[in-house]
PDB file of N, CA and C in Angstrom:
ATOM      1  N   MET A   1     122.775  88.474 116.397  1.00  0.00           N
ATOM      2  CA  MET A   1     121.908  88.326 115.262  1.00  0.00           C
ATOM      3  C   MET A   1     121.568  89.706 114.698  1.00  0.00           C
ATOM      4  N   ARG A   2     121.250  90.632 115.597  1.00  0.00           N
ATOM      5  CA  ARG A   2     120.883  91.973 115.141  1.00  0.00           C
ATOM      6  C   ARG A   2     121.975  92.585 114.264  1.00  0.00           C
ATOM      7  N   SER A   3     123.221  92.526 114.730  1.00  0.00           N
ATOM      8  CA  SER A   3     124.302  93.163 113.954  1.00  0.00           C
ATOM      9  C   SER A   3     124.562  92.417 112.646  1.00  0.00           C
ATOM     10  N   GLU A   4     124.489  91.084 112.660  1.00  0.00           N
ATOM     11  CA  GLU A   4     124.677  90.327 111.416  1.00  0.00           C
ATOM     12  C   GLU A   4     123.622  90.689 110.381  1.00  0.00           C
ATOM     13  N   LEU A   5     122.367  90.726 110.804  1.00  0.00           N
ATOM     14  CA  LEU A   5     121.289  91.043 109.863  1.00  0.00           C
ATOM     15  C   LEU A   5     121.381  92.487 109.380  1.00  0.00           C
ATOM     16  N   ARG A   6     121.738  93.387 110.280  1.00  0.00           N
ATOM     17  CA  ARG A   6     121.889  94.796 109.878  1.00  0.00           C
ATOM     18  C   ARG A   6     123.001  94.929 108.836  1.00  0.00           C
ATOM     19  N   ASN A   7     124.113  94.219 109.044  1.00  0.00           N
ATOM     20  CA  ASN A   7     125.224  94.268 108.083  1.00  0.00           C
ATOM     21  C   ASN A   7     124.826  93.705 106.727  1.00  0.00           C
ATOM     22  N   ARG A   8     123.818  92.858 106.683  1.00  0.00           N
ATOM     23  CA  ARG A   8     123.344  92.289 105.415  1.00  0.00           C
ATOM     24  C   ARG A   8     122.266  93.158 104.767  1.00  0.00           C
ATOM     25  N   GLY A   9     121.921  94.275 105.405  1.00  0.00           N
ATOM     26  CA  GLY A   9     120.960  95.197 104.824  1.00  0.00           C
ATOM     27  C   GLY A   9     119.503  94.849 105.082  1.00  0.00           C
ATOM     28  N   VAL A  10     119.263  94.000 106.075  1.00  0.00           N
ATOM     29  CA  VAL A  10     117.887  93.631 106.418  1.00  0.00           C
ATOM     30  C   VAL A  10     117.208  94.841 107.060  1.00  0.00           C
ATOM     31  N   PRO A  11     115.955  95.146 106.670  1.00  0.00           N
ATOM     32  CA  PRO A  11     115.243  96.289 107.263  1.00  0.00           C
ATOM     33  C   PRO A  11     115.103  96.147 108.785  1.00  0.00           C
ATOM     34  N   ASP A  12     115.157  97.280 109.486  1.00  0.00           N
ATOM     35  CA  ASP A  12     115.053  97.269 110.943  1.00  0.00           C
ATOM     36  C   ASP A  12     113.779  96.594 111.435  1.00  0.00           C
ATOM     37  N   SER A  13     112.660  96.762 110.719  1.00  0.00           N
ATOM     38  CA  SER A  13     111.406  96.144 111.163  1.00  0.00           C
ATOM     39  C   SER A  13     111.502  94.619 111.149  1.00  0.00           C
ATOM     40  N   VAL A  14     112.197  94.061 110.162  1.00  0.00           N
ATOM     41  CA  VAL A  14     112.394  92.610 110.089  1.00  0.00           C
ATOM     42  C   VAL A  14     113.348  92.169 111.192  1.00  0.00           C
ATOM     43  N   ILE A  15     114.396  92.931 111.420  1.00  0.00           N
ATOM     44  CA  ILE A  15     115.356  92.604 112.481  1.00  0.00           C
ATOM     45  C   ILE A  15     114.662  92.600 113.837  1.00  0.00           C
ATOM     46  N   ASP A  16     113.859  93.621 114.117  1.00  0.00           N
ATOM     47  CA  ASP A  16     113.155  93.689 115.396  1.00  0.00           C
ATOM     48  C   ASP A  16     112.251  92.474 115.591  1.00  0.00           C
ATOM     49  N   ASP A  17     111.534  92.087 114.537  1.00  0.00           N
ATOM     50  CA  ASP A  17     110.669  90.906 114.623  1.00  0.00           C
ATOM     51  C   ASP A  17     111.500  89.639 114.831  1.00  0.00           C
ATOM     52  N   ALA A  18     112.632  89.532 114.141  1.00  0.00           N
ATOM     53  CA  ALA A  18     113.494  88.350 114.274  1.00  0.00           C
ATOM     54  C   ALA A  18     114.045  88.229 115.691  1.00  0.00           C
ATOM     55  N   VAL A  19     114.448  89.347 116.279  1.00  0.00           N
ATOM     56  CA  VAL A  19     114.979  89.340 117.650  1.00  0.00           C
ATOM     57  C   VAL A  19     113.885  88.918 118.628  1.00  0.00           C
ATOM     58  N   LEU A  20     112.678  89.428 118.455  1.00  0.00           N
ATOM     59  CA  LEU A  20     111.567  89.042 119.332  1.00  0.00           C
ATOM     60  C   LEU A  20     111.255  87.552 119.187  1.00  0.00           C
ATOM     61  N   ILE A  21     111.228  87.069 117.955  1.00  0.00           N
ATOM     62  CA  ILE A  21     110.952  85.651 117.717  1.00  0.00           C
ATOM     63  C   ILE A  21     112.039  84.787 118.337  1.00  0.00           C
ATOM     64  N   LEU A  22     113.299  85.154 118.162  1.00  0.00           N
ATOM     65  CA  LEU A  22     114.382  84.391 118.763  1.00  0.00           C
ATOM     66  C   LEU A  22     114.228  84.350 120.282  1.00  0.00           C
ATOM     67  N   SER A  23     113.901  85.474 120.870  1.00  0.00           N
ATOM     68  CA  SER A  23     113.698  85.535 122.313  1.00  0.00           C
ATOM     69  C   SER A  23     112.566  84.613 122.764  1.00  0.00           C
ATOM     70  N   GLU A  24     111.453  84.631 122.041  1.00  0.00           N
ATOM     71  CA  GLU A  24     110.324  83.770 122.384  1.00  0.00           C
ATOM     72  C   GLU A  24     110.677  82.292 122.245  1.00  0.00           C
ATOM     73  N   LEU A  25     111.358  81.938 121.146  1.00  0.00           N
ATOM     74  CA  LEU A  25     111.728  80.538 120.934  1.00  0.00           C
ATOM     75  C   LEU A  25     112.704  80.050 122.000  1.00  0.00           C
ATOM     76  N   LEU A  26     113.674  80.880 122.348  1.00  0.00           N
ATOM     77  CA  LEU A  26     114.624  80.502 123.399  1.00  0.00           C
ATOM     78  C   LEU A  26     113.921  80.364 124.752  1.00  0.00           C
ATOM     79  N   SER A  27     113.022  81.287 125.050  1.00  0.00           N
ATOM     80  CA  SER A  27     112.282  81.217 126.314  1.00  0.00           C
ATOM     81  C   SER A  27     111.434  79.954 126.385  1.00  0.00           C
ATOM     82  N   ASN A  28     110.751  79.631 125.285  1.00  0.00           N
ATOM     83  CA  ASN A  28     109.930  78.419 125.255  1.00  0.00           C
ATOM     84  C   ASN A  28     110.793  77.172 125.434  1.00  0.00           C
ATOM     85  N   SER A  29     111.931  77.155 124.770  1.00  0.00           N
ATOM     86  CA  SER A  29     112.829  76.017 124.873  1.00  0.00           C
ATOM     87  C   SER A  29     113.315  75.844 126.308  1.00  0.00           C
ATOM     88  N   TYR A  30     113.731  76.918 126.905  1.00  0.00           N
ATOM     89  CA  TYR A  30     114.222  76.890 128.287  1.00  0.00           C
ATOM     90  C   TYR A  30     113.130  76.405 129.245  1.00  0.00           C
ATOM     91  N   ARG A  31     111.920  76.864 129.032  1.00  0.00           N
ATOM     92  CA  ARG A  31     110.821  76.561 129.939  1.00  0.00           C
ATOM     93  C   ARG A  31     110.240  75.163 129.727  1.00  0.00           C
ATOM     94  N   HIS A  32     110.140  74.701 128.476  1.00  0.00           N
ATOM     95  CA  HIS A  32     109.363  73.502 128.183  1.00  0.00           C
ATOM     96  C   HIS A  32     110.151  72.299 127.673  1.00  0.00           C
ATOM     97  N   ALA A  33     111.445  72.441 127.430  1.00  0.00           N
ATOM     98  CA  ALA A  33     112.188  71.344 126.794  1.00  0.00           C
ATOM     99  C   ALA A  33     113.463  71.005 127.564  1.00  0.00           C
ATOM    100  N   ARG A  34     114.048  69.907 127.172  1.00  0.00           N
ATOM    101  CA  ARG A  34     115.344  69.496 127.706  1.00  0.00           C
ATOM    102  C   ARG A  34     116.437  70.112 126.836  1.00  0.00           C
ATOM    103  N   PRO A  35     117.639  70.250 127.389  1.00  0.00           N
ATOM    104  CA  PRO A  35     118.749  70.688 126.537  1.00  0.00           C
ATOM    105  C   PRO A  35     119.190  69.543 125.627  1.00  0.00           C
ATOM    106  N   LEU A  36     119.987  69.863 124.647  1.00  0.00           N
ATOM    107  CA  LEU A  36     120.610  68.850 123.811  1.00  0.00           C
ATOM    108  C   LEU A  36     121.609  68.055 124.658  1.00  0.00           C
ATOM    109  N   GLU A  37     122.152  66.989 124.107  1.00  0.00           N
ATOM    110  CA  GLU A  37     123.087  66.146 124.856  1.00  0.00           C
ATOM    111  C   GLU A  37     124.256  66.931 125.444  1.00  0.00           C
ATOM    112  N   CYS A  38     124.701  67.962 124.769  1.00  0.00           N
ATOM    113  CA  CYS A  38     125.830  68.758 125.240  1.00  0.00           C
ATOM    114  C   CYS A  38     125.419  69.811 126.270  1.00  0.00           C
ATOM    115  N   GLU A  39     124.167  69.704 126.771  1.00  0.00           N
ATOM    116  CA  GLU A  39     123.622  70.645 127.765  1.00  0.00           C
ATOM    117  C   GLU A  39     123.449  72.051 127.210  1.00  0.00           C
ATOM    118  N   HIS A  40     123.184  72.139 125.911  1.00  0.00           N
ATOM    119  CA  HIS A  40     122.974  73.426 125.249  1.00  0.00           C
ATOM    120  C   HIS A  40     121.644  73.442 124.513  1.00  0.00           C
ATOM    121  N   ILE A  41     121.286  74.622 124.095  1.00  0.00           N
ATOM    122  CA  ILE A  41     120.190  74.854 123.155  1.00  0.00           C
ATOM    123  C   ILE A  41     120.837  75.566 121.970  1.00  0.00           C
ATOM    124  N   ARG A  42     120.489  75.173 120.743  1.00  0.00           N
ATOM    125  CA  ARG A  42     121.121  75.754 119.562  1.00  0.00           C
ATOM    126  C   ARG A  42     120.179  76.760 118.903  1.00  0.00           C
ATOM    127  N   ALA A  43     120.679  77.969 118.694  1.00  0.00           N
ATOM    128  CA  ALA A  43     119.921  79.001 117.982  1.00  0.00           C
ATOM    129  C   ALA A  43     120.641  79.298 116.672  1.00  0.00           C
ATOM    130  N   SER A  44     119.855  79.500 115.614  1.00  0.00           N
ATOM    131  CA  SER A  44     120.459  79.847 114.334  1.00  0.00           C
ATOM    132  C   SER A  44     119.509  80.743 113.556  1.00  0.00           C
ATOM    133  N   TRP A  45     120.063  81.412 112.568  1.00  0.00           N
ATOM    134  CA  TRP A  45     119.263  82.257 111.687  1.00  0.00           C
ATOM    135  C   TRP A  45     119.924  82.265 110.321  1.00  0.00           C
ATOM    136  N   ARG A  46     119.095  82.551 109.320  1.00  0.00           N
ATOM    137  CA  ARG A  46     119.567  82.547 107.937  1.00  0.00           C
ATOM    138  C   ARG A  46     118.851  83.660 107.182  1.00  0.00           C
ATOM    139  N   HIS A  47     119.607  84.434 106.415  1.00  0.00           N
ATOM    140  CA  HIS A  47     119.043  85.483 105.567  1.00  0.00           C
ATOM    141  C   HIS A  47     119.062  84.962 104.142  1.00  0.00           C
ATOM    142  N   GLU A  48     117.887  84.784 103.563  1.00  0.00           N
ATOM    143  CA  GLU A  48     117.771  84.221 102.216  1.00  0.00           C
ATOM    144  C   GLU A  48     117.984  85.305 101.157  1.00  0.00           C
ATOM    145  N   SER A  49     118.298  84.888  99.949  1.00  0.00           N
ATOM    146  CA  SER A  49     118.471  85.827  98.846  1.00  0.00           C
ATOM    147  C   SER A  49     117.170  86.567  98.526  1.00  0.00           C
ATOM    148  N   THR A  50     116.028  85.998  98.921  1.00  0.00           N
ATOM    149  CA  THR A  50     114.721  86.641  98.720  1.00  0.00           C
ATOM    150  C   THR A  50     114.461  87.739  99.734  1.00  0.00           C
ATOM    151  N   GLY A  51     115.312  87.824 100.756  1.00  0.00           N
ATOM    152  CA  GLY A  51     115.128  88.806 101.821  1.00  0.00           C
ATOM    153  C   GLY A  51     114.484  88.221 103.060  1.00  0.00           C
ATOM    154  N   GLU A  52     113.921  87.017 102.939  1.00  0.00           N
ATOM    155  CA  GLU A  52     113.311  86.382 104.108  1.00  0.00           C
ATOM    156  C   GLU A  52     114.389  86.013 105.128  1.00  0.00           C
ATOM    157  N   VAL A  53     113.977  85.985 106.388  1.00  0.00           N
ATOM    158  CA  VAL A  53     114.871  85.589 107.469  1.00  0.00           C
ATOM    159  C   VAL A  53     114.232  84.396 108.179  1.00  0.00           C
ATOM    160  N   THR A  54     115.006  83.334 108.338  1.00  0.00           N
ATOM    161  CA  THR A  54     114.541  82.156 109.068  1.00  0.00           C
ATOM    162  C   THR A  54     115.288  82.088 110.386  1.00  0.00           C
ATOM    163  N   VAL A  55     114.533  81.973 111.474  1.00  0.00           N
ATOM    164  CA  VAL A  55     115.082  81.867 112.816  1.00  0.00           C
ATOM    165  C   VAL A  55     114.707  80.492 113.342  1.00  0.00           C
ATOM    166  N   SER A  56     115.650  79.793 113.964  1.00  0.00           N
ATOM    167  CA  SER A  56     115.318  78.479 114.511  1.00  0.00           C
ATOM    168  C   SER A  56     116.045  78.231 115.821  1.00  0.00           C
ATOM    169  N   VAL A  57     115.412  77.400 116.657  1.00  0.00           N
ATOM    170  CA  VAL A  57     115.986  76.985 117.932  1.00  0.00           C
ATOM    171  C   VAL A  57     115.820  75.478 118.032  1.00  0.00           C
ATOM    172  N   THR A  58     116.918  74.795 118.362  1.00  0.00           N
ATOM    173  CA  THR A  58     116.910  73.345 118.511  1.00  0.00           C
ATOM    174  C   THR A  58     117.233  72.999 119.955  1.00  0.00           C
ATOM    175  N   ASP A  59     116.417  72.103 120.520  1.00  0.00           N
ATOM    176  CA  ASP A  59     116.629  71.644 121.883  1.00  0.00           C
ATOM    177  C   ASP A  59     116.441  70.132 121.933  1.00  0.00           C
ATOM    178  N   GLY A  60     116.438  69.575 123.119  1.00  0.00           N
ATOM    179  CA  GLY A  60     116.308  68.139 123.294  1.00  0.00           C
ATOM    180  C   GLY A  60     114.887  67.630 123.322  1.00  0.00           C
ATOM    181  N   GLY A  61     113.921  68.474 123.005  1.00  0.00           N
ATOM    182  CA  GLY A  61     112.525  68.067 123.006  1.00  0.00           C
ATOM    183  C   GLY A  61     111.921  68.126 124.398  1.00  0.00           C
ATOM    184  N   GLY A  62     110.621  68.017 124.447  1.00  0.00           N
ATOM    185  CA  GLY A  62     109.922  68.082 125.719  1.00  0.00           C
ATOM    186  C   GLY A  62     108.744  67.133 125.731  1.00  0.00           C
ATOM    187  N   PRO A  63     107.943  67.194 126.778  1.00  0.00           N
ATOM    188  CA  PRO A  63     106.811  66.272 126.907  1.00  0.00           C
ATOM    189  C   PRO A  63     105.651  66.580 125.959  1.00  0.00           C
ATOM    190  N   THR A  64     105.609  67.780 125.406  1.00  0.00           N
ATOM    191  CA  THR A  64     104.536  68.163 124.486  1.00  0.00           C
ATOM    192  C   THR A  64     105.132  68.826 123.247  1.00  0.00           C
ATOM    193  N   ARG A  65     104.337  68.901 122.194  1.00  0.00           N
ATOM    194  CA  ARG A  65     104.741  69.594 120.970  1.00  0.00           C
ATOM    195  C   ARG A  65     104.394  71.075 121.104  1.00  0.00           C
ATOM    196  N   PRO A  66     105.276  71.954 120.603  1.00  0.00           N
ATOM    197  CA  PRO A  66     104.953  73.383 120.637  1.00  0.00           C
ATOM    198  C   PRO A  66     103.697  73.673 119.808  1.00  0.00           C
ATOM    199  N   ARG A  67     102.772  74.438 120.380  1.00  0.00           N
ATOM    200  CA  ARG A  67     101.569  74.854 119.664  1.00  0.00           C
ATOM    201  C   ARG A  67     101.035  76.118 120.333  1.00  0.00           C
ATOM    202  N   PRO A  68     100.414  76.989 119.550  1.00  0.00           N
ATOM    203  CA  PRO A  68      99.835  78.202 120.145  1.00  0.00           C
ATOM    204  C   PRO A  68      98.738  77.830 121.126  1.00  0.00           C
ATOM    205  N   SER A  69      98.586  78.646 122.141  1.00  0.00           N
ATOM    206  CA  SER A  69      97.527  78.423 123.120  1.00  0.00           C
ATOM    207  C   SER A  69      96.636  79.658 123.195  1.00  0.00           C
ATOM    208  N   THR A  70      95.580  79.527 123.945  1.00  0.00           N
ATOM    209  CA  THR A  70      94.659  80.638 124.151  1.00  0.00           C
ATOM    210  C   THR A  70      94.560  80.901 125.652  1.00  0.00           C
ATOM    211  N   PRO A  71      95.529  81.638 126.195  1.00  0.00           N
ATOM    212  CA  PRO A  71      95.522  81.882 127.637  1.00  0.00           C
ATOM    213  C   PRO A  71      94.438  82.880 128.036  1.00  0.00           C
ATOM    214  N   SER A  72      94.063  82.830 129.293  1.00  0.00           N
ATOM    215  CA  SER A  72      93.096  83.807 129.797  1.00  0.00           C
ATOM    216  C   SER A  72      93.745  85.191 129.809  1.00  0.00           C
ATOM    217  N   VAL A  73      92.934  86.194 129.939  1.00  0.00           N
ATOM    218  CA  VAL A  73      93.424  87.576 129.948  1.00  0.00           C
ATOM    219  C   VAL A  73      94.391  87.806 131.098  1.00  0.00           C
ATOM    220  N   THR A  74      94.197  87.113 132.208  1.00  0.00           N
ATOM    221  CA  THR A  74      95.044  87.313 133.383  1.00  0.00           C
ATOM    222  C   THR A  74      96.238  86.355 133.446  1.00  0.00           C
ATOM    223  N   ALA A  75      96.351  85.450 132.485  1.00  0.00           N
ATOM    224  CA  ALA A  75      97.471  84.495 132.495  1.00  0.00           C
ATOM    225  C   ALA A  75      98.798  85.224 132.349  1.00  0.00           C
ATOM    226  N   ARG A  76      99.818  84.718 133.020  1.00  0.00           N
ATOM    227  CA  ARG A  76     101.137  85.350 132.991  1.00  0.00           C
ATOM    228  C   ARG A  76     101.979  84.896 131.810  1.00  0.00           C
ATOM    229  N   GLY A  77     101.526  83.947 131.031  1.00  0.00           N
ATOM    230  CA  GLY A  77     102.295  83.449 129.899  1.00  0.00           C
ATOM    231  C   GLY A  77     101.384  82.782 128.892  1.00  0.00           C
ATOM    232  N   GLY A  78     101.993  82.082 127.955  1.00  0.00           N
ATOM    233  CA  GLY A  78     101.230  81.321 126.979  1.00  0.00           C
ATOM    234  C   GLY A  78     100.926  82.042 125.680  1.00  0.00           C
ATOM    235  N   ARG A  79     101.552  83.196 125.463  1.00  0.00           N
ATOM    236  CA  ARG A  79     101.263  83.982 124.265  1.00  0.00           C
ATOM    237  C   ARG A  79     102.381  83.942 123.218  1.00  0.00           C
ATOM    238  N   GLY A  80     103.497  83.306 123.535  1.00  0.00           N
ATOM    239  CA  GLY A  80     104.676  83.351 122.682  1.00  0.00           C
ATOM    240  C   GLY A  80     104.452  82.883 121.260  1.00  0.00           C
ATOM    241  N   LEU A  81     103.888  81.689 121.092  1.00  0.00           N
ATOM    242  CA  LEU A  81     103.684  81.183 119.730  1.00  0.00           C
ATOM    243  C   LEU A  81     102.598  81.943 118.988  1.00  0.00           C
ATOM    244  N   THR A  82     101.656  82.519 119.708  1.00  0.00           N
ATOM    245  CA  THR A  82     100.653  83.361 119.056  1.00  0.00           C
ATOM    246  C   THR A  82     101.311  84.637 118.538  1.00  0.00           C
ATOM    247  N   ILE A  83     102.220  85.186 119.305  1.00  0.00           N
ATOM    248  CA  ILE A  83     102.974  86.363 118.858  1.00  0.00           C
ATOM    249  C   ILE A  83     103.809  86.008 117.633  1.00  0.00           C
ATOM    250  N   ILE A  84     104.499  84.884 117.692  1.00  0.00           N
ATOM    251  CA  ILE A  84     105.314  84.439 116.563  1.00  0.00           C
ATOM    252  C   ILE A  84     104.454  84.273 115.314  1.00  0.00           C
ATOM    253  N   THR A  85     103.293  83.638 115.466  1.00  0.00           N
ATOM    254  CA  THR A  85     102.389  83.423 114.338  1.00  0.00           C
ATOM    255  C   THR A  85     101.987  84.748 113.697  1.00  0.00           C
ATOM    256  N   SER A  86     101.778  85.767 114.507  1.00  0.00           N
ATOM    257  CA  SER A  86     101.350  87.059 113.966  1.00  0.00           C
ATOM    258  C   SER A  86     102.479  87.791 113.241  1.00  0.00           C
ATOM    259  N   LEU A  87     103.728  87.474 113.554  1.00  0.00           N
ATOM    260  CA  LEU A  87     104.869  88.180 112.966  1.00  0.00           C
ATOM    261  C   LEU A  87     105.477  87.491 111.750  1.00  0.00           C
ATOM    262  N   CYS A  88     105.309  86.192 111.647  1.00  0.00           N
ATOM    263  CA  CYS A  88     106.037  85.470 110.602  1.00  0.00           C
ATOM    264  C   CYS A  88     105.129  85.016 109.461  1.00  0.00           C
ATOM    265  N   ARG A  89     105.762  84.629 108.369  1.00  0.00           N
ATOM    266  CA  ARG A  89     105.044  84.099 107.210  1.00  0.00           C
ATOM    267  C   ARG A  89     104.640  82.661 107.457  1.00  0.00           C
ATOM    268  N   ASP A  90     105.500  81.928 108.157  1.00  0.00           N
ATOM    269  CA  ASP A  90     105.250  80.520 108.434  1.00  0.00           C
ATOM    270  C   ASP A  90     106.118  80.104 109.613  1.00  0.00           C
ATOM    271  N   TRP A  91     105.700  79.084 110.330  1.00  0.00           N
ATOM    272  CA  TRP A  91     106.528  78.523 111.384  1.00  0.00           C
ATOM    273  C   TRP A  91     106.157  77.051 111.536  1.00  0.00           C
ATOM    274  N   GLY A  92     107.025  76.315 112.179  1.00  0.00           N
ATOM    275  CA  GLY A  92     106.729  74.903 112.358  1.00  0.00           C
ATOM    276  C   GLY A  92     107.704  74.232 113.297  1.00  0.00           C
ATOM    277  N   VAL A  93     107.506  72.923 113.431  1.00  0.00           N
ATOM    278  CA  VAL A  93     108.309  72.100 114.326  1.00  0.00           C
ATOM    279  C   VAL A  93     108.861  70.943 113.512  1.00  0.00           C
ATOM    280  N   HIS A  94     110.136  70.667 113.690  1.00  0.00           N
ATOM    281  CA  HIS A  94     110.789  69.591 112.949  1.00  0.00           C
ATOM    282  C   HIS A  94     111.540  68.701 113.932  1.00  0.00           C
ATOM    283  N   ASP A  95     111.225  67.399 113.922  1.00  0.00           N
ATOM    284  CA  ASP A  95     112.006  66.445 114.706  1.00  0.00           C
ATOM    285  C   ASP A  95     113.323  66.247 113.986  1.00  0.00           C
ATOM    286  N   THR A  96     114.405  66.594 114.646  1.00  0.00           N
ATOM    287  CA  THR A  96     115.703  66.651 114.000  1.00  0.00           C
ATOM    288  C   THR A  96     116.362  65.288 113.814  1.00  0.00           C
ATOM    289  N   ASP A  97     116.353  64.461 114.836  1.00  0.00           N
ATOM    290  CA  ASP A  97     117.027  63.172 114.727  1.00  0.00           C
ATOM    291  C   ASP A  97     116.496  62.197 115.767  1.00  0.00           C
ATOM    292  N   VAL A  98     117.089  61.016 115.817  1.00  0.00           N
ATOM    293  CA  VAL A  98     116.619  59.971 116.728  1.00  0.00           C
ATOM    294  C   VAL A  98     116.896  60.271 118.195  1.00  0.00           C
ATOM    295  N   SER A  99     117.729  61.260 118.473  1.00  0.00           N
ATOM    296  CA  SER A  99     118.040  61.607 119.866  1.00  0.00           C
ATOM    297  C   SER A  99     116.875  62.329 120.550  1.00  0.00           C
ATOM    298  N   GLY A 100     115.858  62.693 119.780  1.00  0.00           N
ATOM    299  CA  GLY A 100     114.733  63.434 120.344  1.00  0.00           C
ATOM    300  C   GLY A 100     114.842  64.928 120.158  1.00  0.00           C
ATOM    301  N   ALA A 101     115.904  65.387 119.511  1.00  0.00           N
ATOM    302  CA  ALA A 101     116.072  66.821 119.284  1.00  0.00           C
ATOM    303  C   ALA A 101     114.931  67.362 118.426  1.00  0.00           C
ATOM    304  N   VAL A 102     114.500  68.564 118.763  1.00  0.00           N
ATOM    305  CA  VAL A 102     113.387  69.218 118.083  1.00  0.00           C
ATOM    306  C   VAL A 102     113.820  70.626 117.700  1.00  0.00           C
ATOM    307  N   THR A 103     113.491  71.021 116.474  1.00  0.00           N
ATOM    308  CA  THR A 103     113.763  72.382 116.014  1.00  0.00           C
ATOM    309  C   THR A 103     112.444  73.091 115.761  1.00  0.00           C
ATOM    310  N   VAL A 104     112.287  74.256 116.346  1.00  0.00           N
ATOM    311  CA  VAL A 104     111.153  75.124 116.054  1.00  0.00           C
ATOM    312  C   VAL A 104     111.710  76.267 115.215  1.00  0.00           C
ATOM    313  N   TRP A 105     111.071  76.536 114.080  1.00  0.00           N
ATOM    314  CA  TRP A 105     111.570  77.532 113.140  1.00  0.00           C
ATOM    315  C   TRP A 105     110.451  78.507 112.761  1.00  0.00           C
ATOM    316  N   ALA A 106     110.867  79.683 112.340  1.00  0.00           N
ATOM    317  CA  ALA A 106     109.929  80.704 111.884  1.00  0.00           C
ATOM    318  C   ALA A 106     110.556  81.464 110.723  1.00  0.00           C
ATOM    319  N   VAL A 107     109.752  81.738 109.687  1.00  0.00           N
ATOM    320  CA  VAL A 107     110.226  82.469 108.522  1.00  0.00           C
ATOM    321  C   VAL A 107     109.554  83.834 108.493  1.00  0.00           C
ATOM    322  N   LEU A 108     110.364  84.877 108.499  1.00  0.00           N
ATOM    323  CA  LEU A 108     109.857  86.240 108.418  1.00  0.00           C
ATOM    324  C   LEU A 108     109.908  86.725 106.999  1.00  0.00           C
ATOM    325  N   PRO A 109     108.857  87.405 106.537  1.00  0.00           N
ATOM    326  CA  PRO A 109     108.886  87.975 105.186  1.00  0.00           C
ATOM    327  C   PRO A 109     109.944  89.085 105.103  1.00  0.00           C
ATOM    328  N   ALA A 110     110.374  89.375 103.897  1.00  0.00           N
ATOM    329  CA  ALA A 110     111.426  90.357 103.668  1.00  0.00           C
ATOM    330  C   ALA A 110     111.034  91.759 104.145  1.00  0.00           C
ATOM    331  N   THR A 111     109.761  92.040 104.230  1.00  0.00           N
ATOM    332  CA  THR A 111     109.314  93.382 104.597  1.00  0.00           C
ATOM    333  C   THR A 111     108.824  93.484 106.023  1.00  0.00           C
ATOM    334  N   GLY A 112     108.892  92.439 106.794  1.00  0.00           N
ATOM    335  CA  GLY A 112     108.453  92.460 108.190  1.00  0.00           C
ATOM    336  C   GLY A 112     106.985  92.121 108.311  1.00  0.00           C
ATOM    337  N   GLY A 113     106.613  91.701 109.547  1.00  0.00           N
ATOM    338  CA  GLY A 113     105.238  91.273 109.809  1.00  0.00           C
ATOM    339  C   GLY A 113     104.388  92.421 110.076  1.00  0.00           C
TER     340      GLY A 113
END
């Protein structure tokens, strides 16, 4: 993703945020959701003509909906979606199809968070 976005002229600050968001979304998917039927998780990204970058991860869904939490200061996790919220313009969850697949997406502004 980094090299593709760099080749498209995306600013390094936006690329760094996109890579962090992708990492958080993949980690959340691995930890909290099932894989898709093919035993995979799908990651994708798109660079819009406006300069915005959309990052998304699709998995087989899990027992709960992704939402930011408020972990204690000593908690070892639970900050991923809060970090994503601080970096992106918008994010959300989309039920993809009847198989239970879920896509979590985040849109980064053209100038970075």
